[in-house]
Amino acid sequence: MDTDRLGRRIKAYRKLKGYTQVMFAKELNISLNILGEIERGTRKITEENIKKISDTLNIDKNEILGVEDK
């Protein structure tokens, strides 16, 4: 998994949904530092956090992961 591309997608979706980093970190119950590292691609993201992010943003997990239907 390309953490850099994943982080950019998460950041773009977060902004699209109107969340600031502070608001989004609180909603996910993670630290602002961890969210920043995820969005910069310097931290591997757990499956649990991918699920939390997709649920919070109300988008499919595969969309965040960049998986396309074939």
PDB file of N, CA and C in Angstrom:
ATOM      1  N   MET A   1       0.839  -1.174   0.000  1.00  0.00           N
ATOM      2  CA  MET A   1       0.000   0.000   0.000  1.00  0.00           C
ATOM      3  C   MET A   1       0.890   1.245   0.000  1.00  0.00           C
ATOM      4  N   ASP A   2       0.644   2.149  -0.930  1.00  0.00           N
ATOM      5  CA  ASP A   2       1.394   3.390  -1.050  1.00  0.00           C
ATOM      6  C   ASP A   2       0.853   4.398  -0.037  1.00  0.00           C
ATOM      7  N   THR A   3       1.546   4.560   1.075  1.00  0.00           N
ATOM      8  CA  THR A   3       1.046   5.417   2.153  1.00  0.00           C
ATOM      9  C   THR A   3       0.972   6.884   1.742  1.00  0.00           C
ATOM     10  N   ASP A   4       1.845   7.308   0.843  1.00  0.00           N
ATOM     11  CA  ASP A   4       1.837   8.690   0.389  1.00  0.00           C
ATOM     12  C   ASP A   4       0.555   8.992  -0.395  1.00  0.00           C
ATOM     13  N   ARG A   5       0.227   8.149  -1.357  1.00  0.00           N
ATOM     14  CA  ARG A   5      -0.985   8.345  -2.160  1.00  0.00           C
ATOM     15  C   ARG A   5      -2.241   8.193  -1.303  1.00  0.00           C
ATOM     16  N   LEU A   6      -2.220   7.229  -0.400  1.00  0.00           N
ATOM     17  CA  LEU A   6      -3.356   7.015   0.491  1.00  0.00           C
ATOM     18  C   LEU A   6      -3.583   8.247   1.368  1.00  0.00           C
ATOM     19  N   GLY A   7      -2.523   8.789   1.902  1.00  0.00           N
ATOM     20  CA  GLY A   7      -2.621   9.983   2.732  1.00  0.00           C
ATOM     21  C   GLY A   7      -3.190  11.167   1.979  1.00  0.00           C
ATOM     22  N   ARG A   8      -2.752  11.337   0.730  1.00  0.00           N
ATOM     23  CA  ARG A   8      -3.280  12.436  -0.084  1.00  0.00           C
ATOM     24  C   ARG A   8      -4.767  12.255  -0.363  1.00  0.00           C
ATOM     25  N   ARG A   9      -5.189  11.010  -0.602  1.00  0.00           N
ATOM     26  CA  ARG A   9      -6.616  10.747  -0.841  1.00  0.00           C
ATOM     27  C   ARG A   9      -7.442  11.046   0.418  1.00  0.00           C
ATOM     28  N   ILE A  10      -6.944  10.603   1.564  1.00  0.00           N
ATOM     29  CA  ILE A  10      -7.659  10.857   2.824  1.00  0.00           C
ATOM     30  C   ILE A  10      -7.791  12.361   3.045  1.00  0.00           C
ATOM     31  N   LYS A  11      -6.712  13.097   2.851  1.00  0.00           N
ATOM     32  CA  LYS A  11      -6.743  14.547   3.030  1.00  0.00           C
ATOM     33  C   LYS A  11      -7.749  15.188   2.079  1.00  0.00           C
ATOM     34  N   ALA A  12      -7.738  14.767   0.817  1.00  0.00           N
ATOM     35  CA  ALA A  12      -8.664  15.341  -0.171  1.00  0.00           C
ATOM     36  C   ALA A  12     -10.114  15.063   0.205  1.00  0.00           C
ATOM     37  N   TYR A  13     -10.420  13.836   0.608  1.00  0.00           N
ATOM     38  CA  TYR A  13     -11.788  13.496   1.006  1.00  0.00           C
ATOM     39  C   TYR A  13     -12.188  14.252   2.280  1.00  0.00           C
ATOM     40  N   ARG A  14     -11.253  14.383   3.203  1.00  0.00           N
ATOM     41  CA  ARG A  14     -11.538  15.129   4.441  1.00  0.00           C
ATOM     42  C   ARG A  14     -11.932  16.557   4.111  1.00  0.00           C
ATOM     43  N   LYS A  15     -11.150  17.192   3.261  1.00  0.00           N
ATOM     44  CA  LYS A  15     -11.436  18.575   2.885  1.00  0.00           C
ATOM     45  C   LYS A  15     -12.743  18.678   2.108  1.00  0.00           C
ATOM     46  N   LEU A  16     -12.980  17.732   1.218  1.00  0.00           N
ATOM     47  CA  LEU A  16     -14.209  17.707   0.434  1.00  0.00           C
ATOM     48  C   LEU A  16     -15.446  17.654   1.327  1.00  0.00           C
ATOM     49  N   LYS A  17     -15.330  16.919   2.439  1.00  0.00           N
ATOM     50  CA  LYS A  17     -16.446  16.786   3.377  1.00  0.00           C
ATOM     51  C   LYS A  17     -16.508  17.918   4.402  1.00  0.00           C
ATOM     52  N   GLY A  18     -15.560  18.857   4.324  1.00  0.00           N
ATOM     53  CA  GLY A  18     -15.617  20.043   5.173  1.00  0.00           C
ATOM     54  C   GLY A  18     -14.996  19.908   6.550  1.00  0.00           C
ATOM     55  N   TYR A  19     -14.197  18.882   6.767  1.00  0.00           N
ATOM     56  CA  TYR A  19     -13.535  18.699   8.061  1.00  0.00           C
ATOM     57  C   TYR A  19     -12.181  19.401   8.093  1.00  0.00           C
ATOM     58  N   THR A  20     -11.889  20.072   9.210  1.00  0.00           N
ATOM     59  CA  THR A  20     -10.521  20.501   9.458  1.00  0.00           C
ATOM     60  C   THR A  20      -9.778  19.293  10.032  1.00  0.00           C
ATOM     61  N   GLN A  21      -8.471  19.387  10.091  1.00  0.00           N
ATOM     62  CA  GLN A  21      -7.712  18.284  10.695  1.00  0.00           C
ATOM     63  C   GLN A  21      -8.111  18.093  12.151  1.00  0.00           C
ATOM     64  N   VAL A  22      -8.294  19.182  12.873  1.00  0.00           N
ATOM     65  CA  VAL A  22      -8.646  19.099  14.290  1.00  0.00           C
ATOM     66  C   VAL A  22      -9.993  18.402  14.459  1.00  0.00           C
ATOM     67  N   MET A  23     -10.986  18.832  13.686  1.00  0.00           N
ATOM     68  CA  MET A  23     -12.319  18.229  13.770  1.00  0.00           C
ATOM     69  C   MET A  23     -12.269  16.741  13.421  1.00  0.00           C
ATOM     70  N   PHE A  24     -11.538  16.426  12.360  1.00  0.00           N
ATOM     71  CA  PHE A  24     -11.490  15.050  11.874  1.00  0.00           C
ATOM     72  C   PHE A  24     -10.776  14.143  12.861  1.00  0.00           C
ATOM     73  N   ALA A  25      -9.676  14.605  13.430  1.00  0.00           N
ATOM     74  CA  ALA A  25      -8.943  13.820  14.426  1.00  0.00           C
ATOM     75  C   ALA A  25      -9.825  13.523  15.630  1.00  0.00           C
ATOM     76  N   LYS A  26     -10.576  14.536  16.072  1.00  0.00           N
ATOM     77  CA  LYS A  26     -11.490  14.328  17.209  1.00  0.00           C
ATOM     78  C   LYS A  26     -12.573  13.317  16.856  1.00  0.00           C
ATOM     79  N   GLU A  27     -13.124  13.427  15.665  1.00  0.00           N
ATOM     80  CA  GLU A  27     -14.169  12.508  15.219  1.00  0.00           C
ATOM     81  C   GLU A  27     -13.653  11.067  15.168  1.00  0.00           C
ATOM     82  N   LEU A  28     -12.396  10.905  14.757  1.00  0.00           N
ATOM     83  CA  LEU A  28     -11.791   9.572  14.650  1.00  0.00           C
ATOM     84  C   LEU A  28     -11.241   9.075  15.989  1.00  0.00           C
ATOM     85  N   ASN A  29     -11.160   9.976  16.971  1.00  0.00           N
ATOM     86  CA  ASN A  29     -10.592   9.649  18.266  1.00  0.00           C
ATOM     87  C   ASN A  29      -9.115   9.241  18.154  1.00  0.00           C
ATOM     88  N   ILE A  30      -8.399  10.018  17.331  1.00  0.00           N
ATOM     89  CA  ILE A  30      -6.949   9.846  17.214  1.00  0.00           C
ATOM     90  C   ILE A  30      -6.316  11.221  17.409  1.00  0.00           C
ATOM     91  N   SER A  31      -5.024  11.245  17.678  1.00  0.00           N
ATOM     92  CA  SER A  31      -4.359  12.527  17.896  1.00  0.00           C
ATOM     93  C   SER A  31      -4.180  13.257  16.564  1.00  0.00           C
ATOM     94  N   LEU A  32      -4.094  14.567  16.672  1.00  0.00           N
ATOM     95  CA  LEU A  32      -3.854  15.394  15.499  1.00  0.00           C
ATOM     96  C   LEU A  32      -2.522  15.017  14.848  1.00  0.00           C
ATOM     97  N   ASN A  33      -1.552  14.690  15.671  1.00  0.00           N
ATOM     98  CA  ASN A  33      -0.235  14.282  15.177  1.00  0.00           C
ATOM     99  C   ASN A  33      -0.343  13.023  14.318  1.00  0.00           C
ATOM    100  N   ILE A  34      -1.093  12.043  14.783  1.00  0.00           N
ATOM    101  CA  ILE A  34      -1.253  10.795  14.024  1.00  0.00           C
ATOM    102  C   ILE A  34      -1.962  11.074  12.700  1.00  0.00           C
ATOM    103  N   LEU A  35      -3.027  11.875  12.728  1.00  0.00           N
ATOM    104  CA  LEU A  35      -3.724  12.206  11.491  1.00  0.00           C
ATOM    105  C   LEU A  35      -2.795  12.911  10.518  1.00  0.00           C
ATOM    106  N   GLY A  36      -2.009  13.841  11.011  1.00  0.00           N
ATOM    107  CA  GLY A  36      -1.054  14.538  10.150  1.00  0.00           C
ATOM    108  C   GLY A  36      -0.063  13.585   9.508  1.00  0.00           C
ATOM    109  N   GLU A  37       0.434  12.642  10.286  1.00  0.00           N
ATOM    110  CA  GLU A  37       1.379  11.654   9.753  1.00  0.00           C
ATOM    111  C   GLU A  37       0.714  10.761   8.713  1.00  0.00           C
ATOM    112  N   ILE A  38      -0.532  10.387   8.945  1.00  0.00           N
ATOM    113  CA  ILE A  38      -1.271   9.574   7.974  1.00  0.00           C
ATOM    114  C   ILE A  38      -1.430  10.354   6.673  1.00  0.00           C
ATOM    115  N   GLU A  39      -1.847  11.612   6.778  1.00  0.00           N
ATOM    116  CA  GLU A  39      -2.078  12.421   5.583  1.00  0.00           C
ATOM    117  C   GLU A  39      -0.782  12.728   4.836  1.00  0.00           C
ATOM    118  N   ARG A  40       0.329  12.821   5.534  1.00  0.00           N
ATOM    119  CA  ARG A  40       1.621  13.056   4.874  1.00  0.00           C
ATOM    120  C   ARG A  40       2.228  11.768   4.338  1.00  0.00           C
ATOM    121  N   GLY A  41       1.662  10.634   4.722  1.00  0.00           N
ATOM    122  CA  GLY A  41       2.177   9.359   4.246  1.00  0.00           C
ATOM    123  C   GLY A  41       3.382   8.863   5.002  1.00  0.00           C
ATOM    124  N   THR A  42       3.605   9.395   6.203  1.00  0.00           N
ATOM    125  CA  THR A  42       4.770   8.974   6.989  1.00  0.00           C
ATOM    126  C   THR A  42       4.404   7.941   8.053  1.00  0.00           C
ATOM    127  N   ARG A  43       3.132   7.577   8.121  1.00  0.00           N
ATOM    128  CA  ARG A  43       2.676   6.578   9.083  1.00  0.00           C
ATOM    129  C   ARG A  43       1.801   5.574   8.355  1.00  0.00           C
ATOM    130  N   LYS A  44       2.056   4.302   8.617  1.00  0.00           N
ATOM    131  CA  LYS A  44       1.172   3.269   8.082  1.00  0.00           C
ATOM    132  C   LYS A  44      -0.171   3.365   8.781  1.00  0.00           C
ATOM    133  N   ILE A  45      -1.213   3.151   8.025  1.00  0.00           N
ATOM    134  CA  ILE A  45      -2.555   3.256   8.573  1.00  0.00           C
ATOM    135  C   ILE A  45      -3.096   1.859   8.853  1.00  0.00           C
ATOM    136  N   THR A  46      -3.743   1.725   9.985  1.00  0.00           N
ATOM    137  CA  THR A  46      -4.292   0.423  10.365  1.00  0.00           C
ATOM    138  C   THR A  46      -5.622   0.194   9.661  1.00  0.00           C
ATOM    139  N   GLU A  47      -6.005  -1.064   9.546  1.00  0.00           N
ATOM    140  CA  GLU A  47      -7.309  -1.407   8.979  1.00  0.00           C
ATOM    141  C   GLU A  47      -8.431  -0.765   9.786  1.00  0.00           C
ATOM    142  N   GLU A  48      -8.242  -0.732  11.103  1.00  0.00           N
ATOM    143  CA  GLU A  48      -9.243  -0.123  11.979  1.00  0.00           C
ATOM    144  C   GLU A  48      -9.431   1.353  11.653  1.00  0.00           C
ATOM    145  N   ASN A  49      -8.326   2.070  11.436  1.00  0.00           N
ATOM    146  CA  ASN A  49      -8.426   3.494  11.109  1.00  0.00           C
ATOM    147  C   ASN A  49      -8.985   3.718   9.707  1.00  0.00           C
ATOM    148  N   ILE A  50      -8.678   2.831   8.771  1.00  0.00           N
ATOM    149  CA  ILE A  50      -9.275   2.936   7.435  1.00  0.00           C
ATOM    150  C   ILE A  50     -10.789   2.809   7.547  1.00  0.00           C
ATOM    151  N   LYS A  51     -11.254   1.877   8.352  1.00  0.00           N
ATOM    152  CA  LYS A  51     -12.701   1.695   8.540  1.00  0.00           C
ATOM    153  C   LYS A  51     -13.309   2.926   9.207  1.00  0.00           C
ATOM    154  N   LYS A  52     -12.649   3.443  10.255  1.00  0.00           N
ATOM    155  CA  LYS A  52     -13.146   4.640  10.934  1.00  0.00           C
ATOM    156  C   LYS A  52     -13.255   5.814   9.963  1.00  0.00           C
ATOM    157  N   ILE A  53     -12.228   5.980   9.136  1.00  0.00           N
ATOM    158  CA  ILE A  53     -12.200   7.085   8.181  1.00  0.00           C
ATOM    159  C   ILE A  53     -13.313   6.938   7.154  1.00  0.00           C
ATOM    160  N   SER A  54     -13.454   5.750   6.593  1.00  0.00           N
ATOM    161  CA  SER A  54     -14.497   5.546   5.577  1.00  0.00           C
ATOM    162  C   SER A  54     -15.890   5.724   6.185  1.00  0.00           C
ATOM    163  N   ASP A  55     -16.095   5.233   7.394  1.00  0.00           N
ATOM    164  CA  ASP A  55     -17.394   5.397   8.059  1.00  0.00           C
ATOM    165  C   ASP A  55     -17.683   6.872   8.347  1.00  0.00           C
ATOM    166  N   THR A  56     -16.686   7.579   8.856  1.00  0.00           N
ATOM    167  CA  THR A  56     -16.861   8.988   9.203  1.00  0.00           C
ATOM    168  C   THR A  56     -17.139   9.838   7.959  1.00  0.00           C
ATOM    169  N   LEU A  57     -16.444   9.535   6.873  1.00  0.00           N
ATOM    170  CA  LEU A  57     -16.627  10.303   5.640  1.00  0.00           C
ATOM    171  C   LEU A  57     -17.808   9.797   4.811  1.00  0.00           C
ATOM    172  N   ASN A  58     -18.363   8.665   5.249  1.00  0.00           N
ATOM    173  CA  ASN A  58     -19.491   8.052   4.548  1.00  0.00           C
ATOM    174  C   ASN A  58     -19.147   7.711   3.097  1.00  0.00           C
ATOM    175  N   ILE A  59     -17.965   7.116   2.922  1.00  0.00           N
ATOM    176  CA  ILE A  59     -17.554   6.637   1.613  1.00  0.00           C
ATOM    177  C   ILE A  59     -17.034   5.219   1.747  1.00  0.00           C
ATOM    178  N   ASP A  60     -17.051   4.504   0.644  1.00  0.00           N
ATOM    179  CA  ASP A  60     -16.598   3.115   0.636  1.00  0.00           C
ATOM    180  C   ASP A  60     -15.100   3.036   0.922  1.00  0.00           C
ATOM    181  N   LYS A  61     -14.723   2.034   1.684  1.00  0.00           N
ATOM    182  CA  LYS A  61     -13.314   1.822   2.036  1.00  0.00           C
ATOM    183  C   LYS A  61     -12.448   1.694   0.784  1.00  0.00           C
ATOM    184  N   ASN A  62     -12.958   1.018  -0.238  1.00  0.00           N
ATOM    185  CA  ASN A  62     -12.183   0.829  -1.465  1.00  0.00           C
ATOM    186  C   ASN A  62     -11.927   2.146  -2.191  1.00  0.00           C
ATOM    187  N   GLU A  63     -12.816   3.111  -2.024  1.00  0.00           N
ATOM    188  CA  GLU A  63     -12.607   4.420  -2.624  1.00  0.00           C
ATOM    189  C   GLU A  63     -11.407   5.102  -1.981  1.00  0.00           C
ATOM    190  N   ILE A  64     -11.316   4.989  -0.673  1.00  0.00           N
ATOM    191  CA  ILE A  64     -10.156   5.570   0.038  1.00  0.00           C
ATOM    192  C   ILE A  64      -8.871   4.869  -0.387  1.00  0.00           C
ATOM    193  N   LEU A  65      -8.963   3.554  -0.502  1.00  0.00           N
ATOM    194  CA  LEU A  65      -7.783   2.765  -0.858  1.00  0.00           C
ATOM    195  C   LEU A  65      -7.409   2.898  -2.335  1.00  0.00           C
ATOM    196  N   GLY A  66      -8.313   3.462  -3.136  1.00  0.00           N
ATOM    197  CA  GLY A  66      -8.028   3.622  -4.564  1.00  0.00           C
ATOM    198  C   GLY A  66      -8.217   2.344  -5.337  1.00  0.00           C
ATOM    199  N   VAL A  67      -9.029   1.435  -4.798  1.00  0.00           N
ATOM    200  CA  VAL A  67      -9.305   0.166  -5.472  1.00  0.00           C
ATOM    201  C   VAL A  67     -10.464   0.374  -6.433  1.00  0.00           C
ATOM    202  N   GLU A  68     -10.259   0.021  -7.672  1.00  0.00           N
ATOM    203  CA  GLU A  68     -11.330   0.177  -8.666  1.00  0.00           C
ATOM    204  C   GLU A  68     -12.001  -1.163  -8.908  1.00  0.00           C
ATOM    205  N   ASP A  69     -13.308  -1.088  -9.174  1.00  0.00           N
ATOM    206  CA  ASP A  69     -14.033  -2.302  -9.571  1.00  0.00           C
ATOM    207  C   ASP A  69     -13.588  -2.692 -10.959  1.00  0.00           C
ATOM    208  N   LYS A  70     -13.464  -3.989 -11.188  1.00  0.00           N
ATOM    209  CA  LYS A  70     -13.038  -4.474 -12.514  1.00  0.00           C
ATOM    210  C   LYS A  70     -14.193  -5.164 -13.178  1.00  0.00           C
TER     211      LYS A  70
END
